[in-house]
Amino acid sequence: MFKKFTSEDVSGQNQVKASVQRKIRQSIADEYPGLELVLDDLLPKKSPLIVAKCQNHLNLVVVNNVPLFFNIRDGPYMPTLRLLHQYPTIMKKLQVDRGAIKFVLAGANIMCPGLTSPGGVLDEEVGAETPVAIMAEGKQHALAIGFTKMSAKDIKSINKGIGVDNMHYLNDGLWKMERLD
């Protein structure tokens, strides 16, 4: 999704009204309860919240020129990897085996066998269409953020096809764009 993303892909930036800002804060707080203690630091009420509209119905939530969250159409807000590395416990995690790492870092979707093999770990509570952090076997930080296509139980039982859509991964365009000026 962000493979060749640059600041030229941003078609418009709007400072949102206070009511829209409250709605965004509330949906992020509902989606990520682990962020409640630091949400006022991340999304301060007094500083302007900017929503950058990009191609393919993509929205970036930007505070102080730093992209923090993104969503597609009206889907759930997902944190950027930089934010996830600061607060690693906010998302449910799935782990891929060592063989899948180079493909995930190239932008490939996560296949079911990569999650169910001996190096992979599935969180049984993950449902379908849920944002998840993709961890790598033997690594400390997340290497991607994905959106599950099926529940963890289905991934385990079917064990075929795409299990998680890769939304944002290390070294993609959004990762390289530390600030949005």
Protein backbone atom coordinates (compact mmCIF):
# COMPACT_ATOMS: atom_id res chain seq x y z
CA MET A 1 0.00 0.00 0.00
CA PHE A 2 2.78 2.47 0.89
CA LYS A 3 5.41 0.86 -1.36
CA LYS A 4 6.08 3.97 -3.47
CA PHE A 5 4.41 6.50 -1.18
CA THR A 6 5.89 10.01 -1.18
CA SER A 7 4.75 13.43 -0.03
CA GLU A 8 3.56 14.05 -3.64
CA ASP A 9 0.87 11.41 -3.07
CA VAL A 10 -0.79 13.69 -0.50
CA SER A 11 -3.55 15.49 -2.36
CA GLY A 12 -4.70 17.76 0.45
CA GLN A 13 -4.22 18.57 4.12
CA ASN A 14 -7.03 19.89 6.29
CA GLN A 15 -6.99 21.02 9.87
CA VAL A 16 -10.08 19.35 11.30
CA LYS A 17 -12.77 20.91 13.48
CA ALA A 18 -12.85 20.18 17.19
CA SER A 19 -15.86 17.86 16.79
CA VAL A 20 -14.08 15.78 14.12
CA GLN A 21 -10.94 15.78 16.26
CA ARG A 22 -12.94 14.39 19.22
CA LYS A 23 -14.43 11.70 16.99
CA ILE A 24 -10.99 10.63 15.74
CA ARG A 25 -9.60 10.60 19.30
CA GLN A 26 -12.56 8.53 20.50
CA SER A 27 -12.30 5.95 17.72
CA ILE A 28 -8.54 5.60 18.35
CA ALA A 29 -9.17 5.24 22.11
CA ASP A 30 -11.82 2.57 21.46
CA GLU A 31 -9.60 0.64 19.04
CA TYR A 32 -6.42 0.82 21.18
CA PRO A 33 -7.24 0.86 24.92
CA GLY A 34 -3.52 0.54 25.74
CA LEU A 35 -2.99 4.07 24.44
CA GLU A 36 -5.43 5.80 26.82
CA LEU A 37 -2.72 6.94 29.24
CA VAL A 38 -0.60 8.59 26.52
CA LEU A 39 -3.36 9.68 24.13
CA ASP A 40 -3.26 13.26 25.43
CA ASP A 41 0.48 13.38 24.69
CA LEU A 42 0.07 11.87 21.20
CA LEU A 43 -2.99 13.85 20.16
CA PRO A 44 -2.95 17.01 22.31
CA LYS A 45 -6.29 18.79 22.48
CA LYS A 46 -4.76 22.22 21.93
CA SER A 47 -2.42 21.49 19.00
CA PRO A 48 -4.00 21.29 15.54
CA LEU A 49 -4.88 17.85 14.20
CA ILE A 50 -4.40 17.61 10.45
CA VAL A 51 -5.92 14.94 8.23
CA ALA A 52 -3.93 14.46 5.03
CA LYS A 53 -5.95 12.95 2.22
CA CYS A 54 -3.97 10.72 -0.12
CA GLN A 55 -4.65 8.60 -3.19
CA ASN A 56 -6.64 5.35 -2.91
CA HIS A 57 -8.99 6.76 -0.20
CA LEU A 58 -6.18 6.87 2.34
CA ASN A 59 -6.18 9.31 5.27
CA LEU A 60 -3.18 10.16 7.46
CA VAL A 61 -3.65 11.67 10.93
CA VAL A 62 -0.81 14.16 11.37
CA VAL A 63 0.20 16.03 14.56
CA ASN A 64 3.13 18.47 14.48
CA ASN A 65 3.97 17.30 10.92
CA VAL A 66 4.43 13.69 12.14
CA PRO A 67 2.07 11.02 10.72
CA LEU A 68 0.74 8.95 13.63
CA PHE A 69 -2.25 7.00 12.31
CA PHE A 70 -3.75 6.07 8.95
CA ASN A 71 -6.99 4.57 7.72
CA ILE A 72 -8.54 3.52 4.44
CA ARG A 73 -11.98 4.91 3.61
CA ASP A 74 -13.88 4.73 6.91
CA GLY A 75 -11.99 1.71 8.23
CA PRO A 76 -10.28 1.48 11.61
CA TYR A 77 -7.34 3.74 12.38
CA MET A 78 -3.99 1.95 12.39
CA PRO A 79 -0.80 3.33 13.95
CA THR A 80 2.31 3.90 11.89
CA LEU A 81 5.22 1.55 12.61
CA ARG A 82 7.21 4.33 14.26
CA LEU A 83 4.38 4.81 16.77
CA LEU A 84 4.01 1.04 17.21
CA HIS A 85 7.73 0.74 18.01
CA GLN A 86 7.29 3.38 20.74
CA TYR A 87 4.22 1.61 22.21
CA PRO A 88 4.61 -2.07 21.23
CA THR A 89 1.76 -3.42 23.38
CA ILE A 90 -1.15 -1.52 21.80
CA MET A 91 -1.99 -4.03 19.03
CA LYS A 92 -2.66 -7.76 18.87
CA LYS A 93 0.34 -9.60 17.45
CA LEU A 94 0.84 -12.36 14.91
CA GLN A 95 4.31 -13.79 14.26
CA VAL A 96 5.67 -15.05 10.95
CA ASP A 97 8.47 -17.59 10.58
CA ARG A 98 11.96 -16.67 9.37
CA GLY A 99 11.25 -17.68 5.77
CA ALA A 100 8.51 -15.08 5.39
CA ILE A 101 10.50 -12.07 6.64
CA LYS A 102 12.11 -11.04 3.32
CA PHE A 103 8.78 -11.30 1.49
CA VAL A 104 6.91 -9.24 4.10
CA LEU A 105 9.64 -6.57 3.95
CA ALA A 106 9.16 -6.45 0.18
CA GLY A 107 5.45 -5.68 0.68
CA ALA A 108 3.92 -9.13 0.19
CA ASN A 109 0.75 -10.12 2.02
CA ILE A 110 1.14 -12.64 4.84
CA MET A 111 0.16 -16.14 3.80
CA CYS A 112 -1.44 -18.61 6.21
CA PRO A 113 1.45 -21.15 6.12
CA GLY A 114 3.88 -18.44 7.28
CA LEU A 115 1.77 -17.97 10.41
CA THR A 116 1.04 -21.65 11.15
CA SER A 117 4.53 -23.11 10.62
CA PRO A 118 6.74 -23.89 13.68
CA GLY A 119 8.25 -20.37 13.76
CA GLY A 120 4.88 -18.61 13.48
CA VAL A 121 2.62 -17.69 16.38
CA LEU A 122 -1.13 -17.04 16.17
CA ASP A 123 -3.18 -15.20 18.78
CA GLU A 124 -6.41 -17.25 18.91
CA GLU A 125 -8.48 -14.19 19.89
CA VAL A 126 -7.80 -12.29 16.66
CA GLY A 127 -10.95 -12.00 14.57
CA ALA A 128 -11.43 -11.30 10.89
CA GLU A 129 -10.87 -7.75 9.63
CA THR A 130 -8.76 -6.71 12.62
CA PRO A 131 -5.62 -4.55 12.52
CA VAL A 132 -2.62 -6.56 13.80
CA ALA A 133 1.11 -6.09 14.30
CA ILE A 134 3.23 -8.57 12.34
CA MET A 135 6.23 -9.71 14.37
CA ALA A 136 9.15 -11.76 13.05
CA GLU A 137 10.59 -14.92 14.57
CA GLY A 138 13.62 -13.94 16.66
CA LYS A 139 13.10 -10.18 16.30
CA GLN A 140 11.97 -7.69 18.93
CA HIS A 141 10.06 -5.04 16.94
CA ALA A 142 7.15 -5.34 14.53
CA LEU A 143 8.09 -5.48 10.86
CA ALA A 144 4.63 -4.73 9.46
CA ILE A 145 1.07 -3.73 10.24
CA GLY A 146 -1.66 -5.76 8.62
CA PHE A 147 -5.40 -6.24 8.39
CA THR A 148 -6.61 -9.83 8.87
CA LYS A 149 -8.67 -11.34 6.07
CA MET A 150 -9.89 -14.22 8.24
CA SER A 151 -9.92 -15.07 11.93
CA ALA A 152 -6.97 -16.79 13.59
CA LYS A 153 -9.00 -19.99 13.92
CA ASP A 154 -9.72 -19.96 10.18
CA ILE A 155 -6.07 -19.25 9.38
CA LYS A 156 -5.12 -22.31 11.43
CA SER A 157 -7.80 -24.61 10.00
CA ILE A 158 -7.72 -23.53 6.32
CA ASN A 159 -3.92 -22.90 6.20
CA LYS A 160 -4.08 -21.71 2.58
CA GLY A 161 -4.04 -18.35 0.84
CA ILE A 162 -3.66 -14.86 2.21
CA GLY A 163 -4.25 -14.57 5.96
CA VAL A 164 -3.29 -10.93 6.52
CA ASP A 165 -3.18 -7.97 4.12
CA ASN A 166 0.13 -6.10 4.51
CA MET A 167 -0.77 -2.43 4.98
CA HIS A 168 2.49 -0.83 6.12
CA TYR A 169 5.97 -2.36 6.51
CA LEU A 170 9.52 -1.33 7.40
CA ASN A 171 11.26 0.80 4.75
CA ASP A 172 8.12 1.53 2.73
CA GLY A 173 7.22 5.08 1.72
CA LEU A 174 5.40 5.95 4.96
CA TRP A 175 8.32 4.66 7.07
CA LYS A 176 10.82 6.76 5.10
CA MET A 177 8.62 9.86 5.44
CA GLU A 178 9.37 10.81 9.04
CA ARG A 179 7.76 14.24 8.70
CA LEU A 180 5.05 15.56 6.43
CA ASP A 181 5.93 19.14 5.52
